Amino acid sequence: MKMRVGFVSNSSSTAFILDLRDEGVKEMVEQSSVQLARGLGRYTAMAAGKAAVYYAEDWISATRDWYDEGEGLGPWIMYWADRLGRENVVFARESDEGMGGFLDFPAHDVAVAEMEYH
C-alpha cells in the first residue's frame, strides 16, 4: 500500500520509502550513484538501513523546535523503519528542482510510501 502525506503546490521535494527486502529495490539501491542523504537540504539523495535511521534521528534532533512531536520527515522515516525493519528501510528523496540531479531509478514505482515536503 502506498501512502501520500500532504500537498505542496509550489517547490517541494518528494521523499520515498522503499523496502530493501524487495529484490528489485535492492538491485536499484546497489546500482544507484545517488549521494548519501545528509543535513536538512532538499537535494536528491538516499540512505539505506542504518544510514536512513541515523539520517532520521539527525533530522528529528535538528528540527525539534520546528514541528510538534511525531511530525515531519524524520518521524515519518522512523515510522517506516520500525514497520519494515531498520535494516530494510530505504529513504530516497528527489528534488523537483533537480538539486543534485534526479534519482537514477523509478522510486515512485516501488515505493511503499511517498511524501511531499518543503
N, C-alpha and C. Protein backbone atom coordinates (compact mmCIF):
# COMPACT_ATOMS: atom_id res chain seq x y z
N MET A 1 0.83 -1.17 0.00
CA MET A 1 0.00 0.00 0.00
C MET A 1 0.89 1.24 0.00
N LYS A 2 0.54 2.22 -0.85
CA LYS A 2 1.25 3.48 -0.89
C LYS A 2 0.48 4.51 -0.08
N MET A 3 1.21 5.39 0.56
CA MET A 3 0.59 6.41 1.37
C MET A 3 1.19 7.75 0.99
N ARG A 4 0.40 8.72 0.64
CA ARG A 4 0.87 10.06 0.30
C ARG A 4 0.40 10.99 1.40
N VAL A 5 1.34 11.77 1.94
CA VAL A 5 1.04 12.65 3.05
C VAL A 5 1.27 14.09 2.60
N GLY A 6 0.26 14.91 2.72
CA GLY A 6 0.41 16.33 2.47
C GLY A 6 0.41 16.70 1.01
N PHE A 7 0.29 17.99 0.75
CA PHE A 7 0.34 18.51 -0.60
C PHE A 7 0.98 19.88 -0.55
N VAL A 8 1.90 20.12 -1.45
CA VAL A 8 2.57 21.41 -1.55
C VAL A 8 2.42 21.87 -2.98
N SER A 9 1.85 23.05 -3.19
CA SER A 9 1.55 23.49 -4.54
C SER A 9 2.73 24.14 -5.23
N ASN A 10 3.76 24.55 -4.49
CA ASN A 10 4.92 25.13 -5.13
C ASN A 10 6.13 24.22 -4.90
N SER A 11 7.30 24.78 -4.96
CA SER A 11 8.53 23.99 -4.90
C SER A 11 8.57 23.06 -3.69
N SER A 12 8.86 21.83 -3.94
CA SER A 12 8.93 20.84 -2.88
C SER A 12 9.84 19.70 -3.31
N SER A 13 10.09 18.82 -2.41
CA SER A 13 10.81 17.60 -2.70
C SER A 13 9.88 16.43 -2.41
N THR A 14 10.14 15.33 -3.04
CA THR A 14 9.35 14.13 -2.79
C THR A 14 10.25 13.11 -2.13
N ALA A 15 9.78 12.58 -1.02
CA ALA A 15 10.51 11.55 -0.29
C ALA A 15 9.80 10.22 -0.51
N PHE A 16 10.60 9.17 -0.62
CA PHE A 16 10.07 7.83 -0.84
C PHE A 16 10.63 6.91 0.22
N ILE A 17 9.82 5.95 0.62
CA ILE A 17 10.29 4.85 1.46
C ILE A 17 10.22 3.59 0.61
N LEU A 18 11.33 2.87 0.57
CA LEU A 18 11.43 1.63 -0.18
C LEU A 18 11.77 0.50 0.78
N ASP A 19 11.43 -0.71 0.39
CA ASP A 19 11.68 -1.89 1.22
C ASP A 19 12.83 -2.69 0.60
N LEU A 20 13.95 -2.73 1.29
CA LEU A 20 15.15 -3.39 0.80
C LEU A 20 14.99 -4.90 0.67
N ARG A 21 13.95 -5.46 1.25
CA ARG A 21 13.71 -6.90 1.10
C ARG A 21 13.23 -7.24 -0.31
N ASP A 22 12.74 -6.26 -1.04
CA ASP A 22 12.32 -6.45 -2.42
C ASP A 22 13.58 -6.53 -3.29
N GLU A 23 13.76 -7.62 -4.00
CA GLU A 23 14.99 -7.83 -4.79
C GLU A 23 15.20 -6.73 -5.82
N GLY A 24 14.12 -6.25 -6.44
CA GLY A 24 14.24 -5.16 -7.42
C GLY A 24 14.74 -3.89 -6.77
N VAL A 25 14.22 -3.59 -5.60
CA VAL A 25 14.66 -2.41 -4.85
C VAL A 25 16.13 -2.58 -4.47
N LYS A 26 16.48 -3.74 -3.95
CA LYS A 26 17.86 -3.99 -3.54
C LYS A 26 18.82 -3.76 -4.71
N GLU A 27 18.47 -4.24 -5.87
CA GLU A 27 19.32 -4.07 -7.06
C GLU A 27 19.43 -2.59 -7.44
N MET A 28 18.30 -1.87 -7.42
CA MET A 28 18.33 -0.44 -7.76
C MET A 28 19.21 0.35 -6.79
N VAL A 29 19.08 0.05 -5.51
CA VAL A 29 19.85 0.76 -4.49
C VAL A 29 21.34 0.45 -4.66
N GLU A 30 21.67 -0.80 -4.87
CA GLU A 30 23.08 -1.18 -5.03
C GLU A 30 23.71 -0.54 -6.27
N GLN A 31 22.95 -0.35 -7.32
CA GLN A 31 23.48 0.20 -8.57
C GLN A 31 23.38 1.73 -8.63
N SER A 32 22.72 2.34 -7.69
CA SER A 32 22.50 3.78 -7.72
C SER A 32 23.78 4.55 -7.41
N SER A 33 23.89 5.70 -8.06
CA SER A 33 25.01 6.61 -7.79
C SER A 33 24.54 7.86 -7.03
N VAL A 34 23.33 7.82 -6.50
CA VAL A 34 22.77 8.96 -5.77
C VAL A 34 23.54 9.15 -4.47
N GLN A 35 23.80 10.42 -4.14
CA GLN A 35 24.58 10.72 -2.95
C GLN A 35 23.84 10.39 -1.65
N LEU A 36 24.60 10.21 -0.58
CA LEU A 36 24.06 9.90 0.74
C LEU A 36 23.31 11.11 1.30
N ALA A 37 22.14 10.88 1.87
CA ALA A 37 21.35 11.94 2.49
C ALA A 37 22.06 12.46 3.73
N ARG A 38 22.24 13.78 3.78
CA ARG A 38 22.85 14.44 4.94
C ARG A 38 22.22 15.81 5.10
N GLY A 39 22.12 16.28 6.29
CA GLY A 39 21.62 17.62 6.53
C GLY A 39 20.14 17.77 6.22
N LEU A 40 19.70 19.02 6.22
CA LEU A 40 18.28 19.31 6.05
C LEU A 40 17.92 19.73 4.63
N GLY A 41 18.85 19.67 3.72
CA GLY A 41 18.60 20.11 2.36
C GLY A 41 17.54 19.27 1.66
N ARG A 42 17.10 19.78 0.51
CA ARG A 42 16.09 19.07 -0.28
C ARG A 42 16.71 18.43 -1.51
N TYR A 43 18.02 18.40 -1.58
CA TYR A 43 18.69 17.84 -2.75
C TYR A 43 18.39 16.35 -2.89
N THR A 44 18.55 15.85 -4.08
CA THR A 44 18.31 14.43 -4.36
C THR A 44 19.35 13.60 -3.61
N ALA A 45 18.89 12.62 -2.84
CA ALA A 45 19.79 11.82 -2.01
C ALA A 45 19.08 10.55 -1.58
N MET A 46 19.84 9.67 -0.94
CA MET A 46 19.28 8.39 -0.50
C MET A 46 20.08 7.89 0.71
N ALA A 47 19.43 7.10 1.54
CA ALA A 47 20.09 6.42 2.65
C ALA A 47 19.36 5.11 2.89
N ALA A 48 20.11 4.05 3.14
CA ALA A 48 19.52 2.73 3.34
C ALA A 48 19.93 2.15 4.68
N GLY A 49 19.01 1.40 5.27
CA GLY A 49 19.31 0.69 6.52
C GLY A 49 19.67 1.65 7.64
N LYS A 50 20.78 1.35 8.33
CA LYS A 50 21.19 2.17 9.47
C LYS A 50 21.44 3.62 9.08
N ALA A 51 21.93 3.85 7.85
CA ALA A 51 22.17 5.22 7.40
C ALA A 51 20.85 6.00 7.34
N ALA A 52 19.75 5.36 6.95
CA ALA A 52 18.45 6.01 6.92
C ALA A 52 17.98 6.33 8.34
N VAL A 53 18.21 5.41 9.26
CA VAL A 53 17.83 5.63 10.66
C VAL A 53 18.64 6.78 11.25
N TYR A 54 19.96 6.80 11.01
CA TYR A 54 20.80 7.89 11.52
C TYR A 54 20.36 9.23 10.93
N TYR A 55 20.03 9.23 9.65
CA TYR A 55 19.56 10.45 9.00
C TYR A 55 18.28 10.94 9.67
N ALA A 56 17.35 10.04 9.89
CA ALA A 56 16.07 10.40 10.53
C ALA A 56 16.30 10.95 11.94
N GLU A 57 17.17 10.32 12.69
CA GLU A 57 17.46 10.77 14.05
C GLU A 57 18.09 12.16 14.03
N ASP A 58 19.01 12.41 13.10
CA ASP A 58 19.63 13.73 12.98
C ASP A 58 18.59 14.77 12.58
N TRP A 59 17.71 14.39 11.67
CA TRP A 59 16.66 15.30 11.21
C TRP A 59 15.74 15.68 12.38
N ILE A 60 15.35 14.69 13.16
CA ILE A 60 14.49 14.93 14.32
C ILE A 60 15.18 15.88 15.30
N SER A 61 16.43 15.63 15.58
CA SER A 61 17.19 16.46 16.52
C SER A 61 17.31 17.90 16.01
N ALA A 62 17.60 18.07 14.73
CA ALA A 62 17.82 19.40 14.16
C ALA A 62 16.53 20.21 14.02
N THR A 63 15.39 19.54 13.94
CA THR A 63 14.14 20.25 13.70
C THR A 63 13.17 20.20 14.88
N ARG A 64 13.68 19.81 16.02
CA ARG A 64 12.86 19.65 17.22
C ARG A 64 11.98 20.86 17.51
N ASP A 65 12.49 22.06 17.27
CA ASP A 65 11.74 23.29 17.57
C ASP A 65 10.80 23.69 16.45
N TRP A 66 10.84 23.02 15.34
CA TRP A 66 10.03 23.39 14.17
C TRP A 66 8.71 22.65 14.09
N TYR A 67 8.66 21.46 14.63
CA TYR A 67 7.49 20.59 14.46
C TYR A 67 6.99 20.11 15.81
N ASP A 68 5.73 19.75 15.84
CA ASP A 68 5.20 19.05 17.00
C ASP A 68 5.79 17.65 17.00
N GLU A 69 5.87 17.04 18.16
CA GLU A 69 6.43 15.69 18.26
C GLU A 69 5.71 14.73 17.31
N GLY A 70 6.49 13.98 16.57
CA GLY A 70 5.93 12.99 15.66
C GLY A 70 5.65 13.52 14.27
N GLU A 71 5.84 14.81 14.04
CA GLU A 71 5.57 15.39 12.73
C GLU A 71 6.86 15.60 11.96
N GLY A 72 6.77 15.64 10.65
CA GLY A 72 7.91 15.95 9.80
C GLY A 72 8.55 14.72 9.20
N LEU A 73 9.60 14.96 8.47
CA LEU A 73 10.28 13.92 7.70
C LEU A 73 10.94 12.86 8.57
N GLY A 74 11.66 13.28 9.62
CA GLY A 74 12.37 12.33 10.47
C GLY A 74 11.46 11.30 11.12
N PRO A 75 10.40 11.72 11.78
CA PRO A 75 9.48 10.75 12.37
C PRO A 75 8.82 9.85 11.33
N TRP A 76 8.56 10.39 10.15
CA TRP A 76 7.97 9.59 9.07
C TRP A 76 8.92 8.46 8.66
N ILE A 77 10.20 8.79 8.52
CA ILE A 77 11.19 7.76 8.19
C ILE A 77 11.26 6.72 9.31
N MET A 78 11.28 7.18 10.56
CA MET A 78 11.37 6.25 11.69
C MET A 78 10.15 5.34 11.77
N TYR A 79 8.98 5.87 11.47
CA TYR A 79 7.77 5.04 11.44
C TYR A 79 7.98 3.86 10.49
N TRP A 80 8.47 4.16 9.29
CA TRP A 80 8.67 3.10 8.30
C TRP A 80 9.85 2.21 8.65
N ALA A 81 10.86 2.75 9.30
CA ALA A 81 12.00 1.92 9.74
C ALA A 81 11.52 0.90 10.76
N ASP A 82 10.66 1.33 11.65
CA ASP A 82 10.13 0.40 12.65
C ASP A 82 9.18 -0.62 12.02
N ARG A 83 8.44 -0.19 11.04
CA ARG A 83 7.48 -1.08 10.39
C ARG A 83 8.14 -2.11 9.47
N LEU A 84 9.14 -1.68 8.70
CA LEU A 84 9.81 -2.57 7.74
C LEU A 84 11.00 -3.30 8.35
N GLY A 85 11.52 -2.75 9.42
CA GLY A 85 12.77 -3.23 10.00
C GLY A 85 13.86 -2.24 9.66
N ARG A 86 14.61 -1.83 10.64
CA ARG A 86 15.61 -0.76 10.45
C ARG A 86 16.67 -1.12 9.42
N GLU A 87 16.95 -2.39 9.24
CA GLU A 87 17.93 -2.79 8.23
C GLU A 87 17.33 -2.84 6.83
N ASN A 88 16.01 -2.77 6.73
CA ASN A 88 15.33 -2.90 5.43
C ASN A 88 14.83 -1.58 4.85
N VAL A 89 14.79 -0.53 5.65
CA VAL A 89 14.22 0.73 5.17
C VAL A 89 15.20 1.48 4.26
N VAL A 90 14.66 2.03 3.20
CA VAL A 90 15.43 2.90 2.31
C VAL A 90 14.67 4.22 2.21
N PHE A 91 15.37 5.30 2.47
CA PHE A 91 14.83 6.65 2.29
C PHE A 91 15.46 7.22 1.03
N ALA A 92 14.64 7.66 0.10
CA ALA A 92 15.13 8.30 -1.12
C ALA A 92 14.38 9.61 -1.29
N ARG A 93 15.10 10.64 -1.72
CA ARG A 93 14.50 11.95 -1.87
C ARG A 93 14.88 12.50 -3.24
N GLU A 94 13.89 13.11 -3.90
CA GLU A 94 14.15 13.73 -5.19
C GLU A 94 13.62 15.16 -5.18
N SER A 95 14.47 16.09 -5.54
CA SER A 95 14.08 17.49 -5.61
C SER A 95 13.34 17.74 -6.91
N ASP A 96 12.25 18.48 -6.84
CA ASP A 96 11.54 18.82 -8.07
C ASP A 96 12.32 19.84 -8.88
N GLU A 97 13.35 20.41 -8.30
CA GLU A 97 14.20 21.37 -8.99
C GLU A 97 15.47 20.71 -9.51
N GLY A 98 15.60 19.42 -9.31
CA GLY A 98 16.78 18.71 -9.79
C GLY A 98 18.04 19.03 -9.01
N MET A 99 17.91 19.56 -7.80
CA MET A 99 19.09 19.84 -6.99
C MET A 99 19.81 18.54 -6.71
N GLY A 100 21.00 18.41 -7.21
CA GLY A 100 21.76 17.17 -7.05
C GLY A 100 21.38 16.14 -8.10
N GLY A 101 20.65 16.55 -9.10
CA GLY A 101 20.20 15.61 -10.13
C GLY A 101 18.88 14.97 -9.74
N PHE A 102 18.54 13.93 -10.42
CA PHE A 102 17.30 13.20 -10.13
C PHE A 102 17.67 11.78 -9.73
N LEU A 103 16.76 11.10 -9.07
CA LEU A 103 17.00 9.70 -8.72
C LEU A 103 17.25 8.92 -10.01
N ASP A 104 18.19 8.00 -9.96
CA ASP A 104 18.53 7.23 -11.15
C ASP A 104 17.81 5.88 -11.17
N PHE A 105 16.67 5.84 -10.51
CA PHE A 105 15.79 4.66 -10.53
C PHE A 105 14.37 5.14 -10.28
N PRO A 106 13.37 4.38 -10.71
CA PRO A 106 11.97 4.82 -10.58
C PRO A 106 11.39 4.55 -9.19
N ALA A 107 11.77 5.36 -8.23
CA ALA A 107 11.34 5.15 -6.84
C ALA A 107 9.82 5.12 -6.71
N HIS A 108 9.14 5.97 -7.46
CA HIS A 108 7.68 6.03 -7.33
C HIS A 108 7.01 4.72 -7.73
N ASP A 109 7.68 3.92 -8.54
CA ASP A 109 7.11 2.63 -8.96
C ASP A 109 7.21 1.55 -7.89
N VAL A 110 8.16 1.69 -6.98
CA VAL A 110 8.41 0.64 -6.00
C VAL A 110 8.26 1.11 -4.55
N ALA A 111 7.86 2.36 -4.37
CA ALA A 111 7.74 2.93 -3.03
C ALA A 111 6.59 2.31 -2.25
N VAL A 112 6.82 2.10 -0.97
CA VAL A 112 5.74 1.67 -0.08
C VAL A 112 5.05 2.89 0.53
N ALA A 113 5.74 4.05 0.48
CA ALA A 113 5.16 5.31 0.96
C ALA A 113 5.85 6.46 0.23
N GLU A 114 5.12 7.56 0.15
CA GLU A 114 5.63 8.75 -0.55
C GLU A 114 5.12 9.98 0.18
N MET A 115 5.97 11.01 0.26
CA MET A 115 5.57 12.23 0.95
C MET A 115 6.22 13.43 0.27
N GLU A 116 5.44 14.47 0.02
CA GLU A 116 6.00 15.73 -0.45
C GLU A 116 6.26 16.61 0.76
N TYR A 117 7.32 17.37 0.70
CA TYR A 117 7.62 18.28 1.81
C TYR A 117 8.41 19.46 1.30
N HIS A 118 8.37 20.55 2.06
CA HIS A 118 9.11 21.75 1.74
C HIS A 118 10.48 21.68 2.30
